[in-house]
């Protein structure tokens, strides 16, 4: 496997699985204090073209995220 930043969630998962040596080392993590998972989820959502609210500040359709 070439070591390069993942371009898709599939690559992210593949790299995380490759590096995981449980229970002492995990190939990925999500912060769980202060911002908790919400901040991380939002960052990943926006980085992949998703949005929580539309232009009229209404919740976006889940179908646009898939």
PDB file of N, CA and C in Angstrom:
ATOM      1  N   UNK A   1       0.848  -1.175   0.000  1.00  0.00           N
ATOM      2  CA  UNK A   1       0.000   0.000   0.000  1.00  0.00           C
ATOM      3  C   UNK A   1       0.890   1.233   0.000  1.00  0.00           C
ATOM      4  N   UNK A   2       0.629   2.167  -0.901  1.00  0.00           N
ATOM      5  CA  UNK A   2       1.326   3.442  -0.899  1.00  0.00           C
ATOM      6  C   UNK A   2       0.781   4.294   0.236  1.00  0.00           C
ATOM      7  N   UNK A   3       1.672   4.975   0.936  1.00  0.00           N
ATOM      8  CA  UNK A   3       1.252   5.828   2.030  1.00  0.00           C
ATOM      9  C   UNK A   3       1.020   7.235   1.491  1.00  0.00           C
ATOM     10  N   UNK A   4      -0.229   7.586   1.329  1.00  0.00           N
ATOM     11  CA  UNK A   4      -0.650   8.907   0.858  1.00  0.00           C
ATOM     12  C   UNK A   4      -1.968   9.231   1.544  1.00  0.00           C
ATOM     13  N   UNK A   5      -2.289  10.500   1.687  1.00  0.00           N
ATOM     14  CA  UNK A   5      -3.575  10.845   2.309  1.00  0.00           C
ATOM     15  C   UNK A   5      -4.732  10.211   1.531  1.00  0.00           C
ATOM     16  N   UNK A   6      -5.716   9.667   2.233  1.00  0.00           N
ATOM     17  CA  UNK A   6      -6.854   9.047   1.535  1.00  0.00           C
ATOM     18  C   UNK A   6      -7.685  10.094   0.802  1.00  0.00           C
ATOM     19  N   UNK A   7      -8.216   9.695  -0.344  1.00  0.00           N
ATOM     20  CA  UNK A   7      -9.054  10.595  -1.141  1.00  0.00           C
ATOM     21  C   UNK A   7     -10.532  10.264  -0.994  1.00  0.00           C
ATOM     22  N   UNK A   8     -10.850   9.089  -0.467  1.00  0.00           N
ATOM     23  CA  UNK A   8     -12.238   8.669  -0.298  1.00  0.00           C
ATOM     24  C   UNK A   8     -12.383   8.014   1.075  1.00  0.00           C
ATOM     25  N   UNK A   9     -13.633   7.852   1.527  1.00  0.00           N
ATOM     26  CA  UNK A   9     -13.866   7.156   2.782  1.00  0.00           C
ATOM     27  C   UNK A   9     -13.447   5.691   2.673  1.00  0.00           C
ATOM     28  N   UNK A  10     -13.547   5.114   1.494  1.00  0.00           N
ATOM     29  CA  UNK A  10     -13.106   3.726   1.310  1.00  0.00           C
ATOM     30  C   UNK A  10     -11.604   3.615   1.548  1.00  0.00           C
ATOM     31  N   UNK A  11     -10.827   4.563   1.015  1.00  0.00           N
ATOM     32  CA  UNK A  11      -9.389   4.561   1.249  1.00  0.00           C
ATOM     33  C   UNK A  11      -9.073   4.832   2.718  1.00  0.00           C
ATOM     34  N   UNK A  12      -9.812   5.732   3.334  1.00  0.00           N
ATOM     35  CA  UNK A  12      -9.643   6.041   4.762  1.00  0.00           C
ATOM     36  C   UNK A  12      -9.829   4.774   5.600  1.00  0.00           C
ATOM     37  N   UNK A  13     -10.890   4.038   5.309  1.00  0.00           N
ATOM     38  CA  UNK A  13     -11.178   2.802   6.030  1.00  0.00           C
ATOM     39  C   UNK A  13     -10.091   1.764   5.793  1.00  0.00           C
ATOM     40  N   UNK A  14      -9.656   1.638   4.556  1.00  0.00           N
ATOM     41  CA  UNK A  14      -8.609   0.668   4.220  1.00  0.00           C
ATOM     42  C   UNK A  14      -7.315   0.984   4.972  1.00  0.00           C
ATOM     43  N   UNK A  15      -6.924   2.254   5.002  1.00  0.00           N
ATOM     44  CA  UNK A  15      -5.701   2.633   5.701  1.00  0.00           C
ATOM     45  C   UNK A  15      -5.834   2.441   7.208  1.00  0.00           C
ATOM     46  N   UNK A  16      -6.968   2.815   7.759  1.00  0.00           N
ATOM     47  CA  UNK A  16      -7.178   2.646   9.198  1.00  0.00           C
ATOM     48  C   UNK A  16      -7.121   1.173   9.586  1.00  0.00           C
ATOM     49  N   UNK A  17      -7.723   0.327   8.782  1.00  0.00           N
ATOM     50  CA  UNK A  17      -7.707  -1.114   9.043  1.00  0.00           C
ATOM     51  C   UNK A  17      -6.286  -1.662   8.951  1.00  0.00           C
ATOM     52  N   UNK A  18      -5.539  -1.223   7.964  1.00  0.00           N
ATOM     53  CA  UNK A  18      -4.166  -1.678   7.764  1.00  0.00           C
ATOM     54  C   UNK A  18      -3.295  -1.365   8.982  1.00  0.00           C
ATOM     55  N   UNK A  19      -3.450  -0.177   9.551  1.00  0.00           N
ATOM     56  CA  UNK A  19      -2.590   0.243  10.661  1.00  0.00           C
ATOM     57  C   UNK A  19      -3.082  -0.203  12.035  1.00  0.00           C
ATOM     58  N   UNK A  20      -4.284  -0.705  12.134  1.00  0.00           N
ATOM     59  CA  UNK A  20      -4.828  -1.108  13.435  1.00  0.00           C
ATOM     60  C   UNK A  20      -4.165  -2.388  13.935  1.00  0.00           C
ATOM     61  N   UNK A  21      -3.681  -2.316  15.160  1.00  0.00           N
ATOM     62  CA  UNK A  21      -3.120  -3.468  15.866  1.00  0.00           C
ATOM     63  C   UNK A  21      -3.750  -3.474  17.263  1.00  0.00           C
ATOM     64  N   UNK A  22      -5.045  -3.738  17.294  1.00  0.00           N
ATOM     65  CA  UNK A  22      -5.814  -3.684  18.548  1.00  0.00           C
ATOM     66  C   UNK A  22      -5.280  -4.692  19.541  1.00  0.00           C
ATOM     67  N   UNK A  23      -5.338  -4.449  20.816  1.00  0.00           N
ATOM     68  CA  UNK A  23      -5.956  -3.306  21.488  1.00  0.00           C
ATOM     69  C   UNK A  23      -4.972  -2.178  21.802  1.00  0.00           C
ATOM     70  N   UNK A  24      -3.737  -2.252  21.297  1.00  0.00           N
ATOM     71  CA  UNK A  24      -2.734  -1.253  21.669  1.00  0.00           C
ATOM     72  C   UNK A  24      -2.587  -0.106  20.691  1.00  0.00           C
ATOM     73  N   UNK A  25      -2.985  -0.289  19.458  1.00  0.00           N
ATOM     74  CA  UNK A  25      -2.814   0.761  18.459  1.00  0.00           C
ATOM     75  C   UNK A  25      -3.973   0.692  17.468  1.00  0.00           C
ATOM     76  N   UNK A  26      -4.532   1.848  17.154  1.00  0.00           N
ATOM     77  CA  UNK A  26      -5.639   1.930  16.211  1.00  0.00           C
ATOM     78  C   UNK A  26      -5.260   2.866  15.080  1.00  0.00           C
ATOM     79  N   UNK A  27      -5.669   2.535  13.871  1.00  0.00           N
ATOM     80  CA  UNK A  27      -5.301   3.290  12.682  1.00  0.00           C
ATOM     81  C   UNK A  27      -6.029   4.601  12.513  1.00  0.00           C
ATOM     82  N   UNK A  28      -6.977   4.879  13.372  1.00  0.00           N
ATOM     83  CA  UNK A  28      -7.697   6.148  13.305  1.00  0.00           C
ATOM     84  C   UNK A  28      -8.294   6.443  14.668  1.00  0.00           C
ATOM     85  N   UNK A  29      -8.761   7.653  14.830  1.00  0.00           N
ATOM     86  CA  UNK A  29      -9.430   8.029  16.070  1.00  0.00           C
ATOM     87  C   UNK A  29     -10.361   9.202  15.813  1.00  0.00           C
ATOM     88  N   UNK A  30     -11.315   9.344  16.677  1.00  0.00           N
ATOM     89  CA  UNK A  30     -12.177  10.517  16.692  1.00  0.00           C
ATOM     90  C   UNK A  30     -12.095  11.104  18.088  1.00  0.00           C
ATOM     91  N   UNK A  31     -11.888  12.413  18.199  1.00  0.00           N
ATOM     92  CA  UNK A  31     -11.832  13.006  19.534  1.00  0.00           C
ATOM     93  C   UNK A  31     -13.149  12.801  20.265  1.00  0.00           C
ATOM     94  N   UNK A  32     -13.065  12.610  21.557  1.00  0.00           N
ATOM     95  CA  UNK A  32     -14.277  12.368  22.320  1.00  0.00           C
ATOM     96  C   UNK A  32     -14.442  13.301  23.491  1.00  0.00           C
ATOM     97  N   UNK A  33     -13.652  14.344  23.558  1.00  0.00           N
ATOM     98  CA  UNK A  33     -13.736  15.288  24.661  1.00  0.00           C
ATOM     99  C   UNK A  33     -13.904  16.687  24.086  1.00  0.00           C
ATOM    100  N   UNK A  34     -14.519  17.562  24.816  1.00  0.00           N
ATOM    101  CA  UNK A  34     -14.768  18.945  24.418  1.00  0.00           C
ATOM    102  C   UNK A  34     -15.714  19.002  23.215  1.00  0.00           C
ATOM    103  N   UNK A  35     -15.193  18.900  22.009  1.00  0.00           N
ATOM    104  CA  UNK A  35     -16.056  18.999  20.835  1.00  0.00           C
ATOM    105  C   UNK A  35     -16.826  17.715  20.581  1.00  0.00           C
ATOM    106  N   UNK A  36     -16.362  16.636  21.152  1.00  0.00           N
ATOM    107  CA  UNK A  36     -16.966  15.314  20.979  1.00  0.00           C
ATOM    108  C   UNK A  36     -17.006  14.951  19.503  1.00  0.00           C
ATOM    109  N   UNK A  37     -17.882  14.060  19.138  1.00  0.00           N
ATOM    110  CA  UNK A  37     -17.939  13.564  17.767  1.00  0.00           C
ATOM    111  C   UNK A  37     -18.594  14.561  16.818  1.00  0.00           C
ATOM    112  N   UNK A  38     -19.406  15.468  17.346  1.00  0.00           N
ATOM    113  CA  UNK A  38     -20.140  16.398  16.489  1.00  0.00           C
ATOM    114  C   UNK A  38     -19.215  17.237  15.621  1.00  0.00           C
ATOM    115  N   UNK A  39     -18.184  17.828  16.220  1.00  0.00           N
ATOM    116  CA  UNK A  39     -17.256  18.652  15.449  1.00  0.00           C
ATOM    117  C   UNK A  39     -16.534  17.859  14.387  1.00  0.00           C
ATOM    118  N   UNK A  40     -16.109  16.655  14.715  1.00  0.00           N
ATOM    119  CA  UNK A  40     -15.419  15.810  13.749  1.00  0.00           C
ATOM    120  C   UNK A  40     -16.356  15.409  12.616  1.00  0.00           C
ATOM    121  N   UNK A  41     -17.589  15.049  12.964  1.00  0.00           N
ATOM    122  CA  UNK A  41     -18.559  14.690  11.931  1.00  0.00           C
ATOM    123  C   UNK A  41     -18.781  15.850  10.980  1.00  0.00           C
ATOM    124  N   UNK A  42     -18.957  17.049  11.524  1.00  0.00           N
ATOM    125  CA  UNK A  42     -19.213  18.218  10.677  1.00  0.00           C
ATOM    126  C   UNK A  42     -18.019  18.499   9.769  1.00  0.00           C
ATOM    127  N   UNK A  43     -16.811  18.405  10.295  1.00  0.00           N
ATOM    128  CA  UNK A  43     -15.618  18.627   9.475  1.00  0.00           C
ATOM    129  C   UNK A  43     -15.545  17.638   8.325  1.00  0.00           C
ATOM    130  N   UNK A  44     -15.796  16.364   8.609  1.00  0.00           N
ATOM    131  CA  UNK A  44     -15.776  15.347   7.556  1.00  0.00           C
ATOM    132  C   UNK A  44     -16.903  15.560   6.551  1.00  0.00           C
ATOM    133  N   UNK A  45     -18.070  15.955   7.042  1.00  0.00           N
ATOM    134  CA  UNK A  45     -19.211  16.202   6.159  1.00  0.00           C
ATOM    135  C   UNK A  45     -18.904  17.305   5.169  1.00  0.00           C
ATOM    136  N   UNK A  46     -18.441  18.442   5.664  1.00  0.00           N
ATOM    137  CA  UNK A  46     -18.160  19.588   4.804  1.00  0.00           C
ATOM    138  C   UNK A  46     -16.992  19.295   3.865  1.00  0.00           C
ATOM    139  N   UNK A  47     -15.965  18.615   4.362  1.00  0.00           N
ATOM    140  CA  UNK A  47     -14.806  18.287   3.525  1.00  0.00           C
ATOM    141  C   UNK A  47     -15.172  17.391   2.351  1.00  0.00           C
ATOM    142  N   UNK A  48     -16.283  16.662   2.483  1.00  0.00           N
ATOM    143  CA  UNK A  48     -16.713  15.764   1.414  1.00  0.00           C
ATOM    144  C   UNK A  48     -17.913  16.291   0.652  1.00  0.00           C
ATOM    145  N   UNK A  49     -18.143  17.606   0.740  1.00  0.00           N
ATOM    146  CA  UNK A  49     -19.180  18.246  -0.062  1.00  0.00           C
ATOM    147  C   UNK A  49     -20.565  18.243   0.553  1.00  0.00           C
ATOM    148  N   UNK A  50     -20.711  17.784   1.783  1.00  0.00           N
ATOM    149  CA  UNK A  50     -22.017  17.774   2.432  1.00  0.00           C
ATOM    150  C   UNK A  50     -22.338  19.097   3.102  1.00  0.00           C
ATOM    151  N   UNK A  51     -23.539  19.222   3.573  1.00  0.00           N
ATOM    152  CA  UNK A  51     -23.953  20.420   4.304  1.00  0.00           C
ATOM    153  C   UNK A  51     -25.078  20.054   5.257  1.00  0.00           C
ATOM    154  N   UNK A  52     -25.140  20.746   6.378  1.00  0.00           N
ATOM    155  CA  UNK A  52     -26.219  20.520   7.347  1.00  0.00           C
ATOM    156  C   UNK A  52     -27.455  21.335   7.011  1.00  0.00           C
ATOM    157  N   UNK A  53     -27.238  22.574   6.553  1.00  0.00           N
ATOM    158  CA  UNK A  53     -28.352  23.477   6.254  1.00  0.00           C
ATOM    159  C   UNK A  53     -28.273  23.945   4.809  1.00  0.00           C
ATOM    160  N   UNK A  54     -29.443  24.142   4.191  1.00  0.00           N
ATOM    161  CA  UNK A  54     -29.457  24.652   2.830  1.00  0.00           C
ATOM    162  C   UNK A  54     -29.397  26.182   2.847  1.00  0.00           C
ATOM    163  N   UNK A  55     -29.517  26.813   1.696  1.00  0.00           N
ATOM    164  CA  UNK A  55     -29.409  28.267   1.581  1.00  0.00           C
ATOM    165  C   UNK A  55     -30.476  29.005   2.381  1.00  0.00           C
ATOM    166  N   UNK A  56     -31.618  28.357   2.632  1.00  0.00           N
ATOM    167  CA  UNK A  56     -32.696  28.989   3.415  1.00  0.00           C
ATOM    168  C   UNK A  56     -32.608  28.620   4.893  1.00  0.00           C
ATOM    169  N   UNK A  57     -31.466  28.024   5.281  1.00  0.00           N
ATOM    170  CA  UNK A  57     -31.211  27.614   6.666  1.00  0.00           C
ATOM    171  C   UNK A  57     -32.163  26.512   7.135  1.00  0.00           C
ATOM    172  N   UNK A  58     -32.598  25.666   6.202  1.00  0.00           N
ATOM    173  CA  UNK A  58     -33.394  24.489   6.523  1.00  0.00           C
ATOM    174  C   UNK A  58     -32.481  23.270   6.494  1.00  0.00           C
ATOM    175  N   UNK A  59     -32.797  22.252   7.285  1.00  0.00           N
ATOM    176  CA  UNK A  59     -31.965  21.040   7.241  1.00  0.00           C
ATOM    177  C   UNK A  59     -31.881  20.493   5.828  1.00  0.00           C
ATOM    178  N   UNK A  60     -30.675  20.140   5.436  1.00  0.00           N
ATOM    179  CA  UNK A  60     -30.449  19.568   4.101  1.00  0.00           C
ATOM    180  C   UNK A  60     -31.029  18.169   4.058  1.00  0.00           C
ATOM    181  N   UNK A  61     -31.379  17.749   2.880  1.00  0.00           N
ATOM    182  CA  UNK A  61     -31.876  16.397   2.680  1.00  0.00           C
ATOM    183  C   UNK A  61     -30.749  15.403   2.850  1.00  0.00           C
ATOM    184  N   UNK A  62     -30.973  14.334   3.559  1.00  0.00           N
ATOM    185  CA  UNK A  62     -29.972  13.284   3.745  1.00  0.00           C
ATOM    186  C   UNK A  62     -29.563  12.695   2.401  1.00  0.00           C
ATOM    187  N   UNK A  63     -30.447  12.748   1.429  1.00  0.00           N
ATOM    188  CA  UNK A  63     -30.151  12.165   0.121  1.00  0.00           C
ATOM    189  C   UNK A  63     -29.041  12.923  -0.600  1.00  0.00           C
ATOM    190  N   UNK A  64     -28.848  14.190  -0.282  1.00  0.00           N
ATOM    191  CA  UNK A  64     -27.767  14.954  -0.905  1.00  0.00           C
ATOM    192  C   UNK A  64     -26.415  14.560  -0.332  1.00  0.00           C
ATOM    193  N   UNK A  65     -26.399  13.956   0.846  1.00  0.00           N
ATOM    194  CA  UNK A  65     -25.122  13.582   1.477  1.00  0.00           C
ATOM    195  C   UNK A  65     -24.590  12.268   0.943  1.00  0.00           C
ATOM    196  N   UNK A  66     -25.454  11.433   0.454  1.00  0.00           N
ATOM    197  CA  UNK A  66     -25.038  10.074   0.043  1.00  0.00           C
ATOM    198  C   UNK A  66     -24.297  10.098  -1.272  1.00  0.00           C
TER     199      UNK A  66
END
